[in-house]
Amino acid sequence: QVELVESGGAQVQTGGSLSLSCTASGPTVGSFSSYVMAWFRQAPGKEREFVALISRNEITYYFDSVKGRFTISRDNGKSTTYLRMNTLKLEDTAVYYCAARRDLSISYRPDLYDYWGQGTQVTVSS
């Protein structure tokens, strides 16, 4: 079992930047380096959507609308995943969730992730 805790959510103006962190803990956290780590987001009235993921080999994938603006990274020594968000837009407003997938294969589907954080609110205002 792994517990994920996100932090860093805040209110920022359009064009601003924000960094989110997600730290894992728990009995199986020693396997953190083998997990696929991802960020999803959910805006009010919308379904949860994929934002970015990083594989165990640190290969990264991004949702088209965040490519070039967001960067996902991981520090296995700290059992932490990061999401650096630049040039934020109004449409980036959402609750951002960190997720971990035990299977080695990557996936963009939230239902295929095994562990989830509680979410952190990101609000972009004009």
Foldseek 3Di string as FASTA:
>chain_A
DKAKAKDWADEEAAQAKTKMKIAIDDDPLLCLLQKKKFKWWDDPPGDIFGAKIAASVRDIDGDPVQPPFWDWDDDSVRRMIMIIGGRDDQVVWTWMKMFIANDRDDDGDPVRTDYIYPTGTHGYHD
